[in-house]
PDB file of N, CA and C in Angstrom:
ATOM      1  N   UNK A   1     -14.200 -26.746   7.502  1.00  0.00           N
ATOM      2  CA  UNK A   1     -14.507 -25.921   8.427  1.00  0.00           C
ATOM      3  C   UNK A   1     -14.750 -23.845   8.435  1.00  0.00           C
ATOM      4  N   UNK A   2     -15.559 -23.778   8.711  1.00  0.00           N
ATOM      5  CA  UNK A   2     -16.108 -22.107   8.402  1.00  0.00           C
ATOM      6  C   UNK A   2     -14.859 -21.402   9.485  1.00  0.00           C
ATOM      7  N   UNK A   3     -14.963 -20.481   9.178  1.00  0.00           N
ATOM      8  CA  UNK A   3     -13.592 -19.636   9.958  1.00  0.00           C
ATOM      9  C   UNK A   3     -14.364 -18.467  10.606  1.00  0.00           C
ATOM     10  N   UNK A   4     -13.732 -18.287  11.940  1.00  0.00           N
ATOM     11  CA  UNK A   4     -14.466 -18.002  12.977  1.00  0.00           C
ATOM     12  C   UNK A   4     -14.344 -16.371  13.020  1.00  0.00           C
ATOM     13  N   UNK A   5     -15.729 -15.362  13.524  1.00  0.00           N
ATOM     14  CA  UNK A   5     -15.169 -13.984  12.673  1.00  0.00           C
ATOM     15  C   UNK A   5     -14.174 -13.301  13.343  1.00  0.00           C
ATOM     16  N   UNK A   6     -13.143 -13.992  14.152  1.00  0.00           N
ATOM     17  CA  UNK A   6     -12.004 -12.922  14.500  1.00  0.00           C
ATOM     18  C   UNK A   6     -11.082 -13.374  13.253  1.00  0.00           C
ATOM     19  N   UNK A   7     -10.994 -14.948  12.685  1.00  0.00           N
ATOM     20  CA  UNK A   7     -10.094 -15.152  11.517  1.00  0.00           C
ATOM     21  C   UNK A   7     -10.994 -13.861  10.289  1.00  0.00           C
ATOM     22  N   UNK A   8     -11.744 -14.096  10.201  1.00  0.00           N
ATOM     23  CA  UNK A   8     -12.858 -13.615   8.888  1.00  0.00           C
ATOM     24  C   UNK A   8     -12.086 -12.008   9.104  1.00  0.00           C
ATOM     25  N   UNK A   9     -11.913 -11.300  10.271  1.00  0.00           N
ATOM     26  CA  UNK A   9     -11.554  -9.692  10.223  1.00  0.00           C
ATOM     27  C   UNK A   9     -10.228 -10.269  10.207  1.00  0.00           C
ATOM     28  N   UNK A  10      -9.361 -10.837  10.356  1.00  0.00           N
ATOM     29  CA  UNK A  10      -8.140 -10.398  10.081  1.00  0.00           C
ATOM     30  C   UNK A  10      -7.898 -10.643   8.941  1.00  0.00           C
ATOM     31  N   UNK A  11      -8.463 -11.359   8.160  1.00  0.00           N
ATOM     32  CA  UNK A  11      -8.219 -11.740   6.688  1.00  0.00           C
ATOM     33  C   UNK A  11      -8.712 -10.420   5.764  1.00  0.00           C
ATOM     34  N   UNK A  12      -9.445  -9.786   6.564  1.00  0.00           N
ATOM     35  CA  UNK A  12     -10.142  -8.439   6.254  1.00  0.00           C
ATOM     36  C   UNK A  12      -9.182  -6.975   6.126  1.00  0.00           C
ATOM     37  N   UNK A  13      -8.228  -7.125   7.483  1.00  0.00           N
ATOM     38  CA  UNK A  13      -7.501  -6.103   7.324  1.00  0.00           C
ATOM     39  C   UNK A  13      -5.998  -6.417   6.700  1.00  0.00           C
ATOM     40  N   UNK A  14      -5.838  -7.607   6.719  1.00  0.00           N
ATOM     41  CA  UNK A  14      -4.655  -8.628   6.046  1.00  0.00           C
ATOM     42  C   UNK A  14      -5.087  -7.844   4.388  1.00  0.00           C
ATOM     43  N   UNK A  15      -5.883  -8.169   3.583  1.00  0.00           N
ATOM     44  CA  UNK A  15      -6.175  -7.913   2.455  1.00  0.00           C
ATOM     45  C   UNK A  15      -6.931  -6.609   2.324  1.00  0.00           C
ATOM     46  N   UNK A  16      -7.207  -5.550   2.786  1.00  0.00           N
ATOM     47  CA  UNK A  16      -7.295  -4.289   3.293  1.00  0.00           C
ATOM     48  C   UNK A  16      -5.532  -3.557   3.347  1.00  0.00           C
ATOM     49  N   UNK A  17      -4.672  -3.826   3.724  1.00  0.00           N
ATOM     50  CA  UNK A  17      -3.649  -3.418   3.674  1.00  0.00           C
ATOM     51  C   UNK A  17      -3.021  -3.495   2.304  1.00  0.00           C
ATOM     52  N   UNK A  18      -3.063  -4.734   1.778  1.00  0.00           N
ATOM     53  CA  UNK A  18      -2.518  -5.266   1.129  1.00  0.00           C
ATOM     54  C   UNK A  18      -3.026  -4.280  -0.615  1.00  0.00           C
ATOM     55  N   UNK A  19      -4.469  -4.045  -0.368  1.00  0.00           N
ATOM     56  CA  UNK A  19      -5.419  -2.941  -1.484  1.00  0.00           C
ATOM     57  C   UNK A  19      -4.008  -1.890  -1.215  1.00  0.00           C
ATOM     58  N   UNK A  20      -3.831  -1.283  -0.028  1.00  0.00           N
ATOM     59  CA  UNK A  20      -3.918   0.177  -0.025  1.00  0.00           C
ATOM     60  C   UNK A  20      -2.274   0.372   0.007  1.00  0.00           C
ATOM     61  N   UNK A  21      -1.440  -1.081   0.077  1.00  0.00           N
ATOM     62  CA  UNK A  21      -0.064  -0.818  -0.045  1.00  0.00           C
ATOM     63  C   UNK A  21       0.337  -1.084  -1.377  1.00  0.00           C
ATOM     64  N   UNK A  22      -0.020  -1.674  -1.663  1.00  0.00           N
ATOM     65  CA  UNK A  22       0.652  -2.673  -2.869  1.00  0.00           C
ATOM     66  C   UNK A  22       0.962  -0.963  -4.112  1.00  0.00           C
ATOM     67  N   UNK A  23      -0.080  -0.390  -4.345  1.00  0.00           N
ATOM     68  CA  UNK A  23      -0.134   1.015  -5.226  1.00  0.00           C
ATOM     69  C   UNK A  23       1.076   1.747  -4.772  1.00  0.00           C
ATOM     70  N   UNK A  24       1.441   2.080  -3.550  1.00  0.00           N
ATOM     71  CA  UNK A  24       2.239   2.874  -2.531  1.00  0.00           C
ATOM     72  C   UNK A  24       3.894   2.456  -2.665  1.00  0.00           C
ATOM     73  N   UNK A  25       3.331   0.867  -2.673  1.00  0.00           N
ATOM     74  CA  UNK A  25       4.877   0.090  -2.760  1.00  0.00           C
ATOM     75  C   UNK A  25       5.768   0.699  -4.868  1.00  0.00           C
ATOM     76  N   UNK A  26       4.576   0.060  -5.287  1.00  0.00           N
ATOM     77  CA  UNK A  26       4.643   0.530  -6.597  1.00  0.00           C
ATOM     78  C   UNK A  26       5.391   1.720  -6.936  1.00  0.00           C
ATOM     79  N   UNK A  27       4.732   3.209  -6.592  1.00  0.00           N
ATOM     80  CA  UNK A  27       5.369   3.840  -6.872  1.00  0.00           C
ATOM     81  C   UNK A  27       6.131   4.748  -5.784  1.00  0.00           C
ATOM     82  N   UNK A  28       6.522   3.855  -5.113  1.00  0.00           N
ATOM     83  CA  UNK A  28       7.869   4.475  -4.277  1.00  0.00           C
ATOM     84  C   UNK A  28       8.936   3.615  -5.151  1.00  0.00           C
ATOM     85  N   UNK A  29       8.799   2.463  -5.897  1.00  0.00           N
ATOM     86  CA  UNK A  29       9.550   1.782  -6.581  1.00  0.00           C
ATOM     87  C   UNK A  29      10.147   2.098  -7.717  1.00  0.00           C
ATOM     88  N   UNK A  30       9.021   3.274  -8.218  1.00  0.00           N
ATOM     89  CA  UNK A  30       9.104   3.590  -9.532  1.00  0.00           C
ATOM     90  C   UNK A  30      10.345   5.143  -9.121  1.00  0.00           C
ATOM     91  N   UNK A  31       9.881   5.866  -8.165  1.00  0.00           N
ATOM     92  CA  UNK A  31      10.600   6.582  -8.203  1.00  0.00           C
ATOM     93  C   UNK A  31      11.762   6.981  -7.645  1.00  0.00           C
ATOM     94  N   UNK A  32      12.233   5.432  -6.973  1.00  0.00           N
ATOM     95  CA  UNK A  32      13.754   5.747  -6.761  1.00  0.00           C
ATOM     96  C   UNK A  32      14.587   4.925  -7.802  1.00  0.00           C
ATOM     97  N   UNK A  33      13.411   3.926  -8.783  1.00  0.00           N
ATOM     98  CA  UNK A  33      14.578   3.796  -9.834  1.00  0.00           C
ATOM     99  C   UNK A  33      14.488   4.541 -10.755  1.00  0.00           C
ATOM    100  N   UNK A  34      13.695   5.693 -10.875  1.00  0.00           N
ATOM    101  CA  UNK A  34      13.919   7.436 -11.394  1.00  0.00           C
ATOM    102  C   UNK A  34      15.271   7.720 -10.684  1.00  0.00           C
ATOM    103  N   UNK A  35      15.296   7.671  -9.866  1.00  0.00           N
ATOM    104  CA  UNK A  35      16.355   8.313  -8.569  1.00  0.00           C
ATOM    105  C   UNK A  35      18.173   7.819  -9.381  1.00  0.00           C
ATOM    106  N   UNK A  36      17.777   6.634  -8.846  1.00  0.00           N
ATOM    107  CA  UNK A  36      18.690   5.935  -9.460  1.00  0.00           C
ATOM    108  C   UNK A  36      19.560   5.636 -11.004  1.00  0.00           C
ATOM    109  N   UNK A  37      18.464   6.338 -11.471  1.00  0.00           N
ATOM    110  CA  UNK A  37      19.235   6.453 -13.262  1.00  0.00           C
ATOM    111  C   UNK A  37      19.628   7.293 -13.224  1.00  0.00           C
ATOM    112  N   UNK A  38      19.200   8.421 -12.456  1.00  0.00           N
ATOM    113  CA  UNK A  38      19.672   9.739 -12.568  1.00  0.00           C
ATOM    114  C   UNK A  38      20.887   9.787 -12.342  1.00  0.00           C
ATOM    115  N   UNK A  39      21.310   8.932 -10.853  1.00  0.00           N
ATOM    116  CA  UNK A  39      22.644   8.821 -10.572  1.00  0.00           C
ATOM    117  C   UNK A  39      23.525   8.350 -11.368  1.00  0.00           C
ATOM    118  N   UNK A  40      23.286   7.525 -12.552  1.00  0.00           N
ATOM    119  CA  UNK A  40      24.186   7.158 -12.836  1.00  0.00           C
ATOM    120  C   UNK A  40      24.393   7.770 -14.602  1.00  0.00           C
ATOM    121  N   UNK A  41      23.789   8.786 -14.050  1.00  0.00           N
ATOM    122  CA  UNK A  41      23.691   9.676 -16.030  1.00  0.00           C
ATOM    123  C   UNK A  41      24.637  10.305 -15.365  1.00  0.00           C
ATOM    124  N   UNK A  42      25.125  11.578 -16.307  1.00  0.00           N
ATOM    125  CA  UNK A  42      26.395  12.770 -16.357  1.00  0.00           C
ATOM    126  C   UNK A  42      25.658  13.572 -15.375  1.00  0.00           C
ATOM    127  N   UNK A  43      24.462  13.795 -15.055  1.00  0.00           N
ATOM    128  CA  UNK A  43      23.919  14.803 -14.017  1.00  0.00           C
ATOM    129  C   UNK A  43      23.490  14.533 -12.799  1.00  0.00           C
ATOM    130  N   UNK A  44      24.685  14.365 -12.312  1.00  0.00           N
ATOM    131  CA  UNK A  44      24.533  13.381 -11.110  1.00  0.00           C
ATOM    132  C   UNK A  44      24.208  14.282 -10.033  1.00  0.00           C
ATOM    133  N   UNK A  45      24.851  15.429  -9.829  1.00  0.00           N
ATOM    134  CA  UNK A  45      24.453  16.904  -9.192  1.00  0.00           C
ATOM    135  C   UNK A  45      22.737  17.967  -9.109  1.00  0.00           C
ATOM    136  N   UNK A  46      22.348  17.187 -10.309  1.00  0.00           N
ATOM    137  CA  UNK A  46      21.083  17.371 -10.418  1.00  0.00           C
ATOM    138  C   UNK A  46      19.902  16.389  -9.625  1.00  0.00           C
ATOM    139  N   UNK A  47      20.411  15.359  -9.878  1.00  0.00           N
ATOM    140  CA  UNK A  47      19.248  14.002  -8.996  1.00  0.00           C
ATOM    141  C   UNK A  47      19.140  14.696  -7.799  1.00  0.00           C
ATOM    142  N   UNK A  48      17.885  14.587  -7.336  1.00  0.00           N
ATOM    143  CA  UNK A  48      17.044  15.066  -6.421  1.00  0.00           C
ATOM    144  C   UNK A  48      16.489  14.007  -5.641  1.00  0.00           C
ATOM    145  N   UNK A  49      16.712  13.495  -4.223  1.00  0.00           N
ATOM    146  CA  UNK A  49      16.011  12.428  -3.875  1.00  0.00           C
ATOM    147  C   UNK A  49      14.527  12.309  -3.657  1.00  0.00           C
ATOM    148  N   UNK A  50      13.967  11.440  -3.998  1.00  0.00           N
ATOM    149  CA  UNK A  50      12.200  12.023  -4.977  1.00  0.00           C
ATOM    150  C   UNK A  50      11.529  11.897  -2.943  1.00  0.00           C
ATOM    151  N   UNK A  51      10.228  12.759  -2.969  1.00  0.00           N
ATOM    152  CA  UNK A  51       9.642  12.207  -1.756  1.00  0.00           C
ATOM    153  C   UNK A  51       8.755  11.544  -2.131  1.00  0.00           C
ATOM    154  N   UNK A  52       8.631  10.416  -1.168  1.00  0.00           N
ATOM    155  CA  UNK A  52       8.225   9.381  -1.182  1.00  0.00           C
ATOM    156  C   UNK A  52       6.956   9.437  -0.320  1.00  0.00           C
ATOM    157  N   UNK A  53       5.976   8.672  -1.522  1.00  0.00           N
ATOM    158  CA  UNK A  53       4.493   8.481  -0.772  1.00  0.00           C
ATOM    159  C   UNK A  53       4.369   7.528   0.497  1.00  0.00           C
ATOM    160  N   UNK A  54       3.525   8.389   1.508  1.00  0.00           N
ATOM    161  CA  UNK A  54       3.574   7.191   2.615  1.00  0.00           C
ATOM    162  C   UNK A  54       2.702   6.460   3.012  1.00  0.00           C
ATOM    163  N   UNK A  55       2.810   5.386   3.692  1.00  0.00           N
ATOM    164  CA  UNK A  55       2.405   4.018   3.472  1.00  0.00           C
ATOM    165  C   UNK A  55       0.978   4.557   4.163  1.00  0.00           C
ATOM    166  N   UNK A  56      -0.024   3.379   3.936  1.00  0.00           N
ATOM    167  CA  UNK A  56      -1.686   4.166   4.461  1.00  0.00           C
ATOM    168  C   UNK A  56      -1.461   3.725   6.324  1.00  0.00           C
ATOM    169  N   UNK A  57      -2.333   4.436   6.858  1.00  0.00           N
ATOM    170  CA  UNK A  57      -2.126   4.812   8.380  1.00  0.00           C
ATOM    171  C   UNK A  57      -3.074   3.281   8.730  1.00  0.00           C
ATOM    172  N   UNK A  58      -2.908   2.799   9.930  1.00  0.00           N
ATOM    173  CA  UNK A  58      -3.624   1.578  10.603  1.00  0.00           C
ATOM    174  C   UNK A  58      -5.009   1.987  10.407  1.00  0.00           C
ATOM    175  N   UNK A  59      -5.590   3.382  11.253  1.00  0.00           N
ATOM    176  CA  UNK A  59      -7.005   3.855  10.783  1.00  0.00           C
ATOM    177  C   UNK A  59      -7.364   3.454   9.156  1.00  0.00           C
ATOM    178  N   UNK A  60      -6.867   3.824   7.693  1.00  0.00           N
ATOM    179  CA  UNK A  60      -6.945   3.931   6.758  1.00  0.00           C
ATOM    180  C   UNK A  60      -7.301   1.709   6.456  1.00  0.00           C
ATOM    181  N   UNK A  61      -6.683   1.346   6.610  1.00  0.00           N
ATOM    182  CA  UNK A  61      -6.646   0.035   6.811  1.00  0.00           C
ATOM    183  C   UNK A  61      -8.165  -0.466   7.216  1.00  0.00           C
ATOM    184  N   UNK A  62      -8.436   0.107   8.731  1.00  0.00           N
ATOM    185  CA  UNK A  62      -9.667  -0.216   9.125  1.00  0.00           C
ATOM    186  C   UNK A  62     -11.043   0.198   8.340  1.00  0.00           C
ATOM    187  N   UNK A  63     -10.711   1.213   8.056  1.00  0.00           N
ATOM    188  CA  UNK A  63     -11.801   2.088   6.986  1.00  0.00           C
ATOM    189  C   UNK A  63     -11.918   0.866   5.608  1.00  0.00           C
ATOM    190  N   UNK A  64     -10.951   0.737   5.449  1.00  0.00           N
ATOM    191  CA  UNK A  64     -10.709  -0.050   4.278  1.00  0.00           C
ATOM    192  C   UNK A  64     -11.247  -1.358   4.620  1.00  0.00           C
ATOM    193  N   UNK A  65     -11.695  -2.689   5.321  1.00  0.00           N
ATOM    194  CA  UNK A  65     -11.768  -3.605   6.049  1.00  0.00           C
ATOM    195  C   UNK A  65     -13.216  -3.380   6.477  1.00  0.00           C
ATOM    196  N   UNK A  66     -13.429  -2.348   7.030  1.00  0.00           N
ATOM    197  CA  UNK A  66     -14.980  -2.256   6.774  1.00  0.00           C
ATOM    198  C   UNK A  66     -15.904  -1.861   5.390  1.00  0.00           C
ATOM    199  N   UNK A  67     -15.065  -1.411   4.708  1.00  0.00           N
ATOM    200  CA  UNK A  67     -16.011  -1.175   3.728  1.00  0.00           C
ATOM    201  C   UNK A  67     -15.851  -2.537   2.930  1.00  0.00           C
ATOM    202  N   UNK A  68     -14.608  -3.117   2.984  1.00  0.00           N
ATOM    203  CA  UNK A  68     -14.715  -4.774   2.341  1.00  0.00           C
ATOM    204  C   UNK A  68     -16.207  -5.617   3.064  1.00  0.00           C
ATOM    205  N   UNK A  69     -15.824  -5.552   4.493  1.00  0.00           N
ATOM    206  CA  UNK A  69     -16.903  -6.238   5.271  1.00  0.00           C
ATOM    207  C   UNK A  69     -18.545  -5.955   5.097  1.00  0.00           C
ATOM    208  N   UNK A  70     -18.521  -4.631   4.618  1.00  0.00           N
ATOM    209  CA  UNK A  70     -19.772  -4.145   3.984  1.00  0.00           C
ATOM    210  C   UNK A  70     -20.750  -5.115   3.080  1.00  0.00           C
ATOM    211  N   UNK A  71     -19.494  -4.954   2.204  1.00  0.00           N
ATOM    212  CA  UNK A  71     -19.560  -5.654   0.891  1.00  0.00           C
ATOM    213  C   UNK A  71     -19.814  -7.067   0.853  1.00  0.00           C
ATOM    214  N   UNK A  72     -18.859  -7.910   1.847  1.00  0.00           N
ATOM    215  CA  UNK A  72     -18.873  -9.712   1.788  1.00  0.00           C
ATOM    216  C   UNK A  72     -20.716  -9.663   2.983  1.00  0.00           C
ATOM    217  N   UNK A  73     -20.924  -8.580   3.699  1.00  0.00           N
ATOM    218  CA  UNK A  73     -22.016  -9.074   4.456  1.00  0.00           C
ATOM    219  C   UNK A  73     -23.277  -8.697   3.864  1.00  0.00           C
ATOM    220  N   UNK A  74     -23.404  -8.107   2.809  1.00  0.00           N
ATOM    221  CA  UNK A  74     -24.478  -7.931   1.914  1.00  0.00           C
ATOM    222  C   UNK A  74     -25.617  -9.165   1.664  1.00  0.00           C
ATOM    223  N   UNK A  75     -26.678  -9.159   1.869  1.00  0.00           N
ATOM    224  CA  UNK A  75     -27.384 -10.037   1.382  1.00  0.00           C
ATOM    225  C   UNK A  75     -27.962 -10.082  -0.529  1.00  0.00           C
TER     226      UNK A  75
END
């Protein structure tokens, strides 16, 4: 059974969100790991909480979904 256009768009939005969010999660995790390792060392006073990257906006996700849709829709 084929998917409706609504289901396809929803899947494209989910995929777009995953594509954009995965590197952000990885970067945030790396920064937090580094921060926590500094807290456990001798120089606790020098451990500054890192500036974490922002997650993609809804607009960013929609733009990425439109890009994916163009690629998928090519003949």
